[in-house]
Amino acid sequence: MDTVFEACPWEELASVGFSRHDDGVLYVHDVTAFAAALEESTDFLTGDPLTVLHDDGSAEAPWPVTLACARKGATLHAERVMADVERDEQRAQREAIYGSYTPGRGRREGHHFSPEVCAEVDKKYKPARDLVRQWCGEQAVEAYAELRFLRAEVVRIGRIVERAVGMLRQAGRDRDAAKIEAQFEIPVAEFRRMRPPG
């Protein structure tokens, strides 16, 4: 739920309560604008009998409406949502190997959580990530996986071009190096700045 609401561009339109008193309550700041962002009618937000409407166009809606909005958002913004899910999953995998560290505040020391503790905690969150993937839809999940593969392939090919251009320059074949670089359409020096580390 949080993953979807954080990934979707809704900060100005709606938020979800997370305290003991309002966990899961949807706070809609502008019903008309939020319905438009969801590509739905306002009834989508106001149809539940527990929804409270205000004269200023805002509303509070119960959990079923929050859930429906999250599912719709995952469908509309699947690429952004999938990117966040992947990032969370990669972080969880890293922490399951190395553990995690929480810095202390003030004079209090930080705390290191062991890889075993991190892996145990992640067991609780994995089903949520799987559910969000399901909300995004099989086609979106496959498209995102393909996009990740293609991006990795561009980086791999870029590194090959970078090495080839360097080798040609070392051999005194600057003209050939310049031709290859021109065909690559991204100057090798620029690619070096763009690519992810590693």
N, C-alpha and C. Protein backbone atom coordinates (compact mmCIF):
# COMPACT_ATOMS: atom_id res chain seq x y z
N MET A 1 0.83 -1.20 0.00
CA MET A 1 0.00 0.00 0.00
C MET A 1 0.87 1.26 0.00
N ASP A 2 1.78 1.33 0.98
CA ASP A 2 2.67 2.50 1.06
C ASP A 2 3.50 2.62 -0.21
N THR A 3 3.97 1.49 -0.72
CA THR A 3 4.79 1.50 -1.94
C THR A 3 4.05 2.18 -3.08
N VAL A 4 2.79 1.86 -3.24
CA VAL A 4 2.00 2.43 -4.33
C VAL A 4 1.79 3.92 -4.11
N PHE A 5 1.37 4.29 -2.91
CA PHE A 5 1.09 5.71 -2.66
C PHE A 5 2.35 6.57 -2.73
N GLU A 6 3.49 6.00 -2.37
CA GLU A 6 4.75 6.75 -2.47
C GLU A 6 5.21 6.87 -3.91
N ALA A 7 4.92 5.88 -4.74
CA ALA A 7 5.37 5.89 -6.13
C ALA A 7 4.48 6.75 -7.03
N CYS A 8 3.21 6.83 -6.72
CA CYS A 8 2.27 7.57 -7.56
C CYS A 8 2.37 9.07 -7.29
N PRO A 9 2.15 9.88 -8.33
CA PRO A 9 2.28 11.34 -8.18
C PRO A 9 1.04 11.98 -7.54
N TRP A 10 0.77 11.60 -6.31
CA TRP A 10 -0.47 12.02 -5.66
C TRP A 10 -0.26 12.88 -4.42
N GLU A 11 0.98 13.30 -4.14
CA GLU A 11 1.28 13.97 -2.88
C GLU A 11 0.32 15.12 -2.57
N GLU A 12 -0.02 15.87 -3.60
CA GLU A 12 -0.89 17.04 -3.40
C GLU A 12 -2.37 16.67 -3.34
N LEU A 13 -2.70 15.46 -3.75
CA LEU A 13 -4.11 15.08 -3.89
C LEU A 13 -4.65 14.21 -2.77
N ALA A 14 -3.82 13.33 -2.23
CA ALA A 14 -4.31 12.39 -1.22
C ALA A 14 -3.15 11.83 -0.41
N SER A 15 -3.49 11.36 0.79
CA SER A 15 -2.50 10.69 1.64
C SER A 15 -3.22 9.64 2.47
N VAL A 16 -2.44 8.73 3.04
CA VAL A 16 -3.02 7.64 3.83
C VAL A 16 -2.56 7.77 5.27
N GLY A 17 -3.50 7.62 6.20
CA GLY A 17 -3.15 7.65 7.61
C GLY A 17 -2.37 6.40 7.99
N PHE A 18 -1.47 6.55 8.95
CA PHE A 18 -0.68 5.39 9.37
C PHE A 18 -0.51 5.31 10.88
N SER A 19 -1.19 6.20 11.61
CA SER A 19 -1.08 6.13 13.06
C SER A 19 -2.06 5.08 13.60
N ARG A 20 -1.99 4.86 14.89
CA ARG A 20 -2.87 3.87 15.53
C ARG A 20 -4.34 4.25 15.35
N HIS A 21 -4.62 5.54 15.22
CA HIS A 21 -6.00 6.02 15.17
C HIS A 21 -6.58 6.10 13.76
N ASP A 22 -5.70 6.24 12.75
CA ASP A 22 -6.24 6.44 11.40
C ASP A 22 -5.56 5.56 10.35
N ASP A 23 -4.99 4.45 10.77
CA ASP A 23 -4.30 3.55 9.84
C ASP A 23 -5.25 3.11 8.72
N GLY A 24 -4.83 3.37 7.47
CA GLY A 24 -5.62 2.96 6.32
C GLY A 24 -6.67 3.95 5.86
N VAL A 25 -6.88 5.03 6.62
CA VAL A 25 -7.86 6.04 6.22
C VAL A 25 -7.26 6.86 5.07
N LEU A 26 -8.04 7.08 4.04
CA LEU A 26 -7.60 7.86 2.90
C LEU A 26 -8.05 9.31 3.09
N TYR A 27 -7.09 10.23 3.10
CA TYR A 27 -7.39 11.65 3.19
C TYR A 27 -7.28 12.22 1.78
N VAL A 28 -8.42 12.59 1.22
CA VAL A 28 -8.44 13.14 -0.14
C VAL A 28 -8.54 14.65 -0.02
N HIS A 29 -7.54 15.36 -0.53
CA HIS A 29 -7.50 16.81 -0.39
C HIS A 29 -8.37 17.51 -1.43
N ASP A 30 -8.57 16.85 -2.56
CA ASP A 30 -9.41 17.41 -3.63
C ASP A 30 -10.04 16.23 -4.37
N VAL A 31 -11.30 15.95 -4.06
CA VAL A 31 -11.99 14.77 -4.59
C VAL A 31 -12.02 14.79 -6.12
N THR A 32 -12.37 15.91 -6.70
CA THR A 32 -12.48 15.99 -8.16
C THR A 32 -11.14 15.75 -8.85
N ALA A 33 -10.10 16.41 -8.35
CA ALA A 33 -8.77 16.27 -8.95
C ALA A 33 -8.22 14.86 -8.76
N PHE A 34 -8.46 14.27 -7.59
CA PHE A 34 -7.94 12.92 -7.35
C PHE A 34 -8.68 11.89 -8.20
N ALA A 35 -9.98 12.06 -8.35
CA ALA A 35 -10.76 11.15 -9.22
C ALA A 35 -10.23 11.24 -10.66
N ALA A 36 -9.93 12.46 -11.11
CA ALA A 36 -9.39 12.64 -12.46
C ALA A 36 -8.02 11.95 -12.59
N ALA A 37 -7.18 12.06 -11.56
CA ALA A 37 -5.87 11.42 -11.58
C ALA A 37 -6.00 9.89 -11.63
N LEU A 38 -7.07 9.38 -11.04
CA LEU A 38 -7.33 7.94 -11.06
C LEU A 38 -8.06 7.49 -12.33
N GLU A 39 -8.45 8.48 -13.15
CA GLU A 39 -9.24 8.22 -14.36
C GLU A 39 -10.55 7.54 -14.00
N GLU A 40 -11.16 8.03 -12.95
CA GLU A 40 -12.44 7.50 -12.45
C GLU A 40 -13.40 8.66 -12.19
N SER A 41 -14.68 8.32 -11.98
CA SER A 41 -15.64 9.33 -11.57
C SER A 41 -15.47 9.58 -10.07
N THR A 42 -16.04 10.66 -9.58
CA THR A 42 -15.92 10.96 -8.14
C THR A 42 -16.62 9.89 -7.29
N ASP A 43 -17.58 9.16 -7.88
CA ASP A 43 -18.25 8.08 -7.14
C ASP A 43 -17.27 7.00 -6.69
N PHE A 44 -16.18 6.85 -7.43
CA PHE A 44 -15.16 5.87 -7.06
C PHE A 44 -14.63 6.17 -5.65
N LEU A 45 -14.55 7.47 -5.31
CA LEU A 45 -14.05 7.89 -4.01
C LEU A 45 -15.15 8.11 -2.98
N THR A 46 -16.32 8.49 -3.43
CA THR A 46 -17.37 8.89 -2.49
C THR A 46 -18.49 7.86 -2.35
N GLY A 47 -18.43 6.77 -3.10
CA GLY A 47 -19.51 5.79 -3.10
C GLY A 47 -19.66 5.00 -1.81
N ASP A 48 -18.61 4.88 -1.04
CA ASP A 48 -18.70 4.12 0.21
C ASP A 48 -19.48 4.93 1.23
N PRO A 49 -20.45 4.32 1.93
CA PRO A 49 -21.27 5.08 2.88
C PRO A 49 -20.47 5.64 4.06
N LEU A 50 -19.27 5.13 4.31
CA LEU A 50 -18.46 5.65 5.42
C LEU A 50 -17.57 6.82 5.02
N THR A 51 -17.58 7.16 3.74
CA THR A 51 -16.79 8.31 3.29
C THR A 51 -17.42 9.59 3.82
N VAL A 52 -16.57 10.47 4.35
CA VAL A 52 -17.03 11.76 4.89
C VAL A 52 -16.59 12.85 3.92
N LEU A 53 -17.58 13.56 3.36
CA LEU A 53 -17.31 14.66 2.42
C LEU A 53 -17.33 15.98 3.16
N HIS A 54 -16.47 16.91 2.73
CA HIS A 54 -16.41 18.24 3.33
C HIS A 54 -16.77 19.29 2.29
N ASP A 55 -17.23 20.45 2.76
CA ASP A 55 -17.64 21.53 1.86
C ASP A 55 -16.50 22.05 0.98
N ASP A 56 -15.27 21.90 1.43
CA ASP A 56 -14.13 22.42 0.65
C ASP A 56 -13.66 21.46 -0.45
N GLY A 57 -14.40 20.35 -0.66
CA GLY A 57 -14.04 19.41 -1.71
C GLY A 57 -13.10 18.30 -1.27
N SER A 58 -12.77 18.28 0.02
CA SER A 58 -11.92 17.22 0.55
C SER A 58 -12.80 16.11 1.13
N ALA A 59 -12.17 15.00 1.50
CA ALA A 59 -12.93 13.88 2.06
C ALA A 59 -12.01 12.96 2.84
N GLU A 60 -12.60 12.16 3.71
CA GLU A 60 -11.91 11.04 4.34
C GLU A 60 -12.67 9.79 3.93
N ALA A 61 -11.92 8.79 3.48
CA ALA A 61 -12.56 7.56 3.00
C ALA A 61 -11.99 6.36 3.76
N PRO A 62 -12.80 5.32 3.93
CA PRO A 62 -12.36 4.15 4.69
C PRO A 62 -11.43 3.23 3.88
N TRP A 63 -10.95 2.20 4.56
CA TRP A 63 -10.00 1.25 4.00
C TRP A 63 -10.38 0.69 2.63
N PRO A 64 -11.62 0.27 2.38
CA PRO A 64 -11.93 -0.29 1.05
C PRO A 64 -11.65 0.69 -0.09
N VAL A 65 -11.87 1.98 0.15
CA VAL A 65 -11.60 2.99 -0.88
C VAL A 65 -10.08 3.15 -1.04
N THR A 66 -9.37 3.17 0.07
CA THR A 66 -7.90 3.26 0.03
C THR A 66 -7.33 2.11 -0.79
N LEU A 67 -7.82 0.91 -0.53
CA LEU A 67 -7.36 -0.27 -1.24
C LEU A 67 -7.66 -0.17 -2.74
N ALA A 68 -8.86 0.26 -3.08
CA ALA A 68 -9.24 0.40 -4.50
C ALA A 68 -8.33 1.42 -5.19
N CYS A 69 -8.01 2.51 -4.50
CA CYS A 69 -7.12 3.53 -5.08
C CYS A 69 -5.71 2.98 -5.29
N ALA A 70 -5.23 2.20 -4.32
CA ALA A 70 -3.90 1.61 -4.45
C ALA A 70 -3.84 0.67 -5.65
N ARG A 71 -4.86 -0.15 -5.79
CA ARG A 71 -4.89 -1.08 -6.92
C ARG A 71 -4.94 -0.33 -8.26
N LYS A 72 -5.73 0.71 -8.30
CA LYS A 72 -5.84 1.50 -9.53
C LYS A 72 -4.52 2.22 -9.82
N GLY A 73 -3.91 2.76 -8.78
CA GLY A 73 -2.62 3.45 -8.95
C GLY A 73 -1.53 2.52 -9.45
N ALA A 74 -1.52 1.29 -8.95
CA ALA A 74 -0.52 0.31 -9.39
C ALA A 74 -0.68 0.02 -10.88
N THR A 75 -1.92 0.01 -11.34
CA THR A 75 -2.18 -0.23 -12.76
C THR A 75 -1.77 0.98 -13.60
N LEU A 76 -2.11 2.18 -13.14
CA LEU A 76 -1.84 3.40 -13.90
C LEU A 76 -0.35 3.76 -13.92
N HIS A 77 0.34 3.49 -12.84
CA HIS A 77 1.74 3.90 -12.70
C HIS A 77 2.65 2.69 -12.46
N ALA A 78 2.39 1.63 -13.22
CA ALA A 78 3.07 0.35 -13.00
C ALA A 78 4.59 0.47 -13.06
N GLU A 79 5.12 1.23 -14.00
CA GLU A 79 6.58 1.31 -14.12
C GLU A 79 7.20 1.95 -12.88
N ARG A 80 6.60 3.03 -12.40
CA ARG A 80 7.12 3.70 -11.19
C ARG A 80 6.99 2.79 -9.98
N VAL A 81 5.85 2.13 -9.86
CA VAL A 81 5.60 1.24 -8.73
C VAL A 81 6.58 0.07 -8.78
N MET A 82 6.75 -0.53 -9.96
CA MET A 82 7.66 -1.66 -10.09
C MET A 82 9.10 -1.26 -9.77
N ALA A 83 9.49 -0.05 -10.14
CA ALA A 83 10.85 0.42 -9.83
C ALA A 83 11.05 0.46 -8.32
N ASP A 84 10.05 0.94 -7.59
CA ASP A 84 10.15 0.99 -6.12
C ASP A 84 10.15 -0.40 -5.51
N VAL A 85 9.33 -1.30 -6.05
CA VAL A 85 9.28 -2.68 -5.55
C VAL A 85 10.65 -3.33 -5.76
N GLU A 86 11.22 -3.15 -6.94
CA GLU A 86 12.54 -3.73 -7.24
C GLU A 86 13.60 -3.16 -6.31
N ARG A 87 13.56 -1.85 -6.08
CA ARG A 87 14.54 -1.21 -5.20
C ARG A 87 14.42 -1.76 -3.78
N ASP A 88 13.19 -1.92 -3.29
CA ASP A 88 12.97 -2.49 -1.96
C ASP A 88 13.48 -3.92 -1.89
N GLU A 89 13.24 -4.67 -2.95
CA GLU A 89 13.66 -6.07 -2.97
C GLU A 89 15.19 -6.18 -2.99
N GLN A 90 15.84 -5.34 -3.78
CA GLN A 90 17.31 -5.35 -3.83
C GLN A 90 17.90 -4.97 -2.47
N ARG A 91 17.30 -3.97 -1.81
CA ARG A 91 17.76 -3.57 -0.48
C ARG A 91 17.61 -4.74 0.49
N ALA A 92 16.46 -5.42 0.43
CA ALA A 92 16.21 -6.56 1.33
C ALA A 92 17.22 -7.68 1.07
N GLN A 93 17.54 -7.93 -0.18
CA GLN A 93 18.52 -8.97 -0.51
C GLN A 93 19.91 -8.60 0.01
N ARG A 94 20.27 -7.33 -0.14
CA ARG A 94 21.56 -6.86 0.38
C ARG A 94 21.63 -7.02 1.89
N GLU A 95 20.54 -6.60 2.57
CA GLU A 95 20.52 -6.67 4.03
C GLU A 95 20.50 -8.11 4.52
N ALA A 96 19.94 -9.03 3.75
CA ALA A 96 19.93 -10.44 4.13
C ALA A 96 21.34 -11.03 4.05
N ILE A 97 22.24 -10.36 3.33
CA ILE A 97 23.63 -10.81 3.24
C ILE A 97 24.52 -10.06 4.24
N TYR A 98 24.35 -8.73 4.31
CA TYR A 98 25.25 -7.90 5.10
C TYR A 98 24.64 -7.36 6.39
N GLY A 99 23.34 -7.47 6.54
CA GLY A 99 22.68 -6.84 7.68
C GLY A 99 22.41 -5.38 7.39
N SER A 100 21.91 -4.66 8.36
CA SER A 100 21.66 -3.23 8.17
C SER A 100 22.07 -2.48 9.44
N TYR A 101 22.32 -1.21 9.25
CA TYR A 101 22.76 -0.37 10.37
C TYR A 101 21.83 0.82 10.50
N THR A 102 21.36 1.05 11.70
CA THR A 102 20.53 2.22 11.98
C THR A 102 21.35 3.18 12.83
N PRO A 103 21.63 4.39 12.33
CA PRO A 103 22.44 5.32 13.11
C PRO A 103 21.69 5.78 14.37
N GLY A 104 22.45 6.04 15.40
CA GLY A 104 21.85 6.53 16.64
C GLY A 104 21.53 8.01 16.56
N ARG A 105 20.79 8.48 17.53
CA ARG A 105 20.44 9.91 17.59
C ARG A 105 21.12 10.52 18.80
N GLY A 106 21.63 11.71 18.59
CA GLY A 106 22.29 12.39 19.71
C GLY A 106 23.49 11.58 20.18
N ARG A 107 23.49 11.23 21.44
CA ARG A 107 24.61 10.47 22.01
C ARG A 107 24.40 8.97 21.95
N ARG A 108 23.24 8.56 21.54
CA ARG A 108 22.96 7.13 21.47
C ARG A 108 23.68 6.50 20.30
N GLU A 109 24.23 5.32 20.55
CA GLU A 109 24.92 4.59 19.49
C GLU A 109 23.91 4.01 18.52
N GLY A 110 24.38 3.80 17.29
CA GLY A 110 23.54 3.15 16.30
C GLY A 110 23.44 1.65 16.60
N HIS A 111 22.68 0.98 15.77
CA HIS A 111 22.47 -0.45 16.00
C HIS A 111 22.63 -1.21 14.69
N HIS A 112 23.36 -2.31 14.74
CA HIS A 112 23.51 -3.17 13.58
C HIS A 112 22.56 -4.35 13.72
N PHE A 113 21.74 -4.57 12.69
CA PHE A 113 20.84 -5.72 12.66
C PHE A 113 21.50 -6.81 11.83
N SER A 114 21.54 -8.00 12.35
CA SER A 114 22.22 -9.11 11.68
C SER A 114 21.49 -9.48 10.39
N PRO A 115 22.21 -10.13 9.46
CA PRO A 115 21.55 -10.59 8.22
C PRO A 115 20.36 -11.51 8.51
N GLU A 116 20.48 -12.34 9.55
CA GLU A 116 19.39 -13.26 9.88
C GLU A 116 18.13 -12.51 10.30
N VAL A 117 18.32 -11.46 11.11
CA VAL A 117 17.18 -10.64 11.55
C VAL A 117 16.56 -9.94 10.34
N CYS A 118 17.40 -9.39 9.47
CA CYS A 118 16.90 -8.70 8.27
C CYS A 118 16.11 -9.65 7.37
N ALA A 119 16.63 -10.86 7.21
CA ALA A 119 15.94 -11.86 6.37
C ALA A 119 14.60 -12.23 6.98
N GLU A 120 14.56 -12.35 8.30
CA GLU A 120 13.31 -12.68 9.00
C GLU A 120 12.27 -11.57 8.84
N VAL A 121 12.72 -10.33 8.98
CA VAL A 121 11.82 -9.18 8.82
C VAL A 121 11.30 -9.13 7.38
N ASP A 122 12.19 -9.40 6.42
CA ASP A 122 11.77 -9.33 5.02
C ASP A 122 10.71 -10.36 4.68
N LYS A 123 10.68 -11.49 5.38
CA LYS A 123 9.65 -12.50 5.14
C LYS A 123 8.25 -11.91 5.30
N LYS A 124 8.13 -10.90 6.17
CA LYS A 124 6.82 -10.26 6.39
C LYS A 124 6.45 -9.34 5.24
N TYR A 125 7.48 -8.77 4.57
CA TYR A 125 7.22 -7.78 3.53
C TYR A 125 7.16 -8.38 2.12
N LYS A 126 7.75 -9.53 1.93
CA LYS A 126 7.76 -10.15 0.60
C LYS A 126 6.36 -10.38 0.04
N PRO A 127 5.41 -10.91 0.84
CA PRO A 127 4.05 -11.09 0.29
C PRO A 127 3.43 -9.77 -0.18
N ALA A 128 3.76 -8.67 0.50
CA ALA A 128 3.23 -7.36 0.09
C ALA A 128 3.80 -6.96 -1.27
N ARG A 129 5.10 -7.19 -1.47
CA ARG A 129 5.70 -6.87 -2.77
C ARG A 129 5.08 -7.73 -3.87
N ASP A 130 4.85 -9.01 -3.56
CA ASP A 130 4.23 -9.90 -4.55
C ASP A 130 2.82 -9.45 -4.89
N LEU A 131 2.08 -8.98 -3.88
CA LEU A 131 0.72 -8.49 -4.11
C LEU A 131 0.73 -7.24 -4.98
N VAL A 132 1.66 -6.33 -4.72
CA VAL A 132 1.75 -5.11 -5.53
C VAL A 132 2.09 -5.45 -6.97
N ARG A 133 2.98 -6.43 -7.17
CA ARG A 133 3.28 -6.88 -8.54
C ARG A 133 2.00 -7.39 -9.22
N GLN A 134 1.22 -8.14 -8.47
CA GLN A 134 -0.05 -8.67 -9.00
C GLN A 134 -0.97 -7.51 -9.39
N TRP A 135 -1.03 -6.48 -8.57
CA TRP A 135 -1.86 -5.31 -8.89
C TRP A 135 -1.37 -4.63 -10.16
N CYS A 136 -0.07 -4.57 -10.35
CA CYS A 136 0.48 -3.93 -11.55
C CYS A 136 0.07 -4.68 -12.81
N GLY A 137 -0.12 -5.97 -12.69
CA GLY A 137 -0.54 -6.78 -13.84
C GLY A 137 0.65 -7.52 -14.44
N GLU A 138 0.37 -8.71 -14.92
CA GLU A 138 1.42 -9.57 -15.48
C GLU A 138 2.14 -8.90 -16.64
N GLN A 139 1.37 -8.22 -17.48
CA GLN A 139 1.96 -7.58 -18.65
C GLN A 139 2.94 -6.47 -18.22
N ALA A 140 2.56 -5.69 -17.22
CA ALA A 140 3.43 -4.62 -16.74
C ALA A 140 4.68 -5.18 -16.08
N VAL A 141 4.54 -6.27 -15.33
CA VAL A 141 5.69 -6.89 -14.68
C VAL A 141 6.66 -7.41 -15.74
N GLU A 142 6.13 -8.06 -16.77
CA GLU A 142 6.98 -8.57 -17.85
C GLU A 142 7.65 -7.43 -18.60
N ALA A 143 6.91 -6.36 -18.87
CA ALA A 143 7.47 -5.21 -19.59
C ALA A 143 8.58 -4.57 -18.77
N TYR A 144 8.38 -4.49 -17.45
CA TYR A 144 9.40 -3.89 -16.60
C TYR A 144 10.65 -4.76 -16.57
N ALA A 145 10.47 -6.08 -16.50
CA ALA A 145 11.62 -7.00 -16.51
C ALA A 145 12.38 -6.87 -17.82
N GLU A 146 11.65 -6.75 -18.93
CA GLU A 146 12.29 -6.58 -20.23
C GLU A 146 13.04 -5.26 -20.29
N LEU A 147 12.45 -4.20 -19.76
CA LEU A 147 13.10 -2.90 -19.74
C LEU A 147 14.40 -2.94 -18.94
N ARG A 148 14.37 -3.61 -17.79
CA ARG A 148 15.58 -3.76 -16.97
C ARG A 148 16.66 -4.51 -17.75
N PHE A 149 16.25 -5.57 -18.45
CA PHE A 149 17.21 -6.34 -19.25
C PHE A 149 17.81 -5.46 -20.34
N LEU A 150 16.96 -4.71 -21.05
CA LEU A 150 17.45 -3.86 -22.14
C LEU A 150 18.39 -2.78 -21.63
N ARG A 151 18.07 -2.20 -20.48
CA ARG A 151 18.96 -1.18 -19.90
C ARG A 151 20.32 -1.79 -19.56
N ALA A 152 20.31 -2.98 -18.99
CA ALA A 152 21.56 -3.67 -18.66
C ALA A 152 22.34 -3.98 -19.93
N GLU A 153 21.63 -4.33 -20.98
CA GLU A 153 22.28 -4.65 -22.25
C GLU A 153 22.91 -3.41 -22.86
N VAL A 154 22.24 -2.27 -22.75
CA VAL A 154 22.80 -1.01 -23.26
C VAL A 154 24.09 -0.69 -22.51
N VAL A 155 24.09 -0.90 -21.20
CA VAL A 155 25.29 -0.64 -20.41
C VAL A 155 26.41 -1.59 -20.83
N ARG A 156 26.08 -2.87 -21.03
CA ARG A 156 27.09 -3.86 -21.45
C ARG A 156 27.69 -3.47 -22.79
N ILE A 157 26.84 -3.13 -23.76
CA ILE A 157 27.32 -2.75 -25.09
C ILE A 157 28.12 -1.45 -25.01
N GLY A 158 27.66 -0.54 -24.19
CA GLY A 158 28.38 0.72 -24.01
C GLY A 158 29.78 0.50 -23.48
N ARG A 159 29.93 -0.45 -22.56
CA ARG A 159 31.27 -0.75 -22.03
C ARG A 159 32.17 -1.34 -23.10
N ILE A 160 31.59 -2.17 -23.96
CA ILE A 160 32.36 -2.74 -25.07
C ILE A 160 32.83 -1.63 -26.00
N VAL A 161 31.91 -0.72 -26.34
CA VAL A 161 32.27 0.40 -27.21
C VAL A 161 33.35 1.25 -26.54
N GLU A 162 33.19 1.50 -25.26
CA GLU A 162 34.15 2.31 -24.52
C GLU A 162 35.55 1.69 -24.59
N ARG A 163 35.63 0.37 -24.38
CA ARG A 163 36.93 -0.32 -24.45
C ARG A 163 37.50 -0.26 -25.88
N ALA A 164 36.62 -0.50 -26.86
CA ALA A 164 37.08 -0.49 -28.26
C ALA A 164 37.62 0.88 -28.66
N VAL A 165 36.93 1.93 -28.28
CA VAL A 165 37.37 3.29 -28.59
C VAL A 165 38.71 3.57 -27.91
N GLY A 166 38.83 3.15 -26.66
CA GLY A 166 40.09 3.34 -25.94
C GLY A 166 41.25 2.61 -26.59
N MET A 167 41.00 1.37 -27.02
CA MET A 167 42.04 0.58 -27.67
C MET A 167 42.46 1.20 -29.01
N LEU A 168 41.48 1.69 -29.76
CA LEU A 168 41.80 2.35 -31.04
C LEU A 168 42.62 3.61 -30.81
N ARG A 169 42.28 4.37 -29.80
CA ARG A 169 43.03 5.61 -29.52
C ARG A 169 44.46 5.27 -29.10
N GLN A 170 44.60 4.23 -28.28
CA GLN A 170 45.95 3.82 -27.86
C GLN A 170 46.78 3.36 -29.06
N ALA A 171 46.12 2.79 -30.04
CA ALA A 171 46.82 2.32 -31.24
C ALA A 171 47.05 3.45 -32.25
N GLY A 172 46.66 4.67 -31.88
CA GLY A 172 46.86 5.81 -32.76
C GLY A 172 45.83 5.91 -33.87
N ARG A 173 44.72 5.24 -33.69
CA ARG A 173 43.67 5.25 -34.73
C ARG A 173 42.50 6.13 -34.27
N ASP A 174 42.82 7.39 -34.01
CA ASP A 174 41.82 8.34 -33.49
C ASP A 174 40.64 8.52 -34.43
N ARG A 175 40.91 8.47 -35.72
CA ARG A 175 39.84 8.67 -36.71
C ARG A 175 38.82 7.53 -36.62
N ASP A 176 39.30 6.28 -36.53
CA ASP A 176 38.41 5.12 -36.39
C ASP A 176 37.65 5.18 -35.07
N ALA A 177 38.34 5.61 -34.02
CA ALA A 177 37.70 5.73 -32.71
C ALA A 177 36.58 6.75 -32.77
N ALA A 178 36.82 7.87 -33.42
CA ALA A 178 35.81 8.92 -33.55
C ALA A 178 34.60 8.44 -34.34
N LYS A 179 34.84 7.61 -35.39
CA LYS A 179 33.73 7.07 -36.19
C LYS A 179 32.84 6.16 -35.34
N ILE A 180 33.48 5.27 -34.58
CA ILE A 180 32.69 4.37 -33.72
C ILE A 180 31.92 5.16 -32.67
N GLU A 181 32.60 6.13 -32.09
CA GLU A 181 31.95 6.95 -31.07
C GLU A 181 30.76 7.70 -31.65
N ALA A 182 30.88 8.19 -32.89
CA ALA A 182 29.79 8.90 -33.55
C ALA A 182 28.61 7.97 -33.81
N GLN A 183 28.90 6.71 -34.18
CA GLN A 183 27.83 5.75 -34.42
C GLN A 183 27.13 5.36 -33.13
N PHE A 184 27.85 5.38 -32.03
CA PHE A 184 27.27 5.05 -30.73
C PHE A 184 26.27 6.13 -30.30
N GLU A 185 26.40 7.33 -30.85
CA GLU A 185 25.52 8.47 -30.63
C GLU A 185 25.63 9.10 -29.25
N ILE A 186 26.36 8.47 -28.35
CA ILE A 186 26.62 9.07 -27.05
C ILE A 186 28.14 9.11 -26.92
N PRO A 187 28.73 10.28 -26.75
CA PRO A 187 30.19 10.30 -26.59
C PRO A 187 30.60 9.39 -25.44
N VAL A 188 31.68 8.66 -25.62
CA VAL A 188 32.12 7.70 -24.62
C VAL A 188 32.32 8.37 -23.27
N ALA A 189 32.87 9.57 -23.26
CA ALA A 189 33.07 10.28 -21.98
C ALA A 189 31.73 10.55 -21.30
N GLU A 190 30.71 10.88 -22.10
CA GLU A 190 29.37 11.12 -21.54
C GLU A 190 28.77 9.82 -21.01
N PHE A 191 28.95 8.73 -21.76
CA PHE A 191 28.44 7.43 -21.32
C PHE A 191 29.06 7.05 -19.97
N ARG A 192 30.34 7.33 -19.81
CA ARG A 192 31.06 7.02 -18.58
C ARG A 192 30.36 7.70 -17.39
N ARG A 193 29.88 8.92 -17.59
CA ARG A 193 29.20 9.65 -16.50
C ARG A 193 27.79 9.11 -16.27
N MET A 194 27.13 8.61 -17.35
CA MET A 194 25.74 8.17 -17.26
C MET A 194 25.57 6.80 -16.61
N ARG A 195 26.53 5.91 -16.88
CA ARG A 195 26.34 4.51 -16.51
C ARG A 195 26.37 4.32 -14.99
N PRO A 196 25.66 3.31 -14.49
CA PRO A 196 25.71 3.02 -13.06
C PRO A 196 27.07 2.46 -12.70
N PRO A 197 27.50 2.64 -11.43
CA PRO A 197 28.81 2.11 -11.05
C PRO A 197 28.81 0.59 -11.06
N GLY A 198 30.02 0.01 -11.16
CA GLY A 198 30.16 -1.45 -11.08
C GLY A 198 30.28 -2.12 -12.40
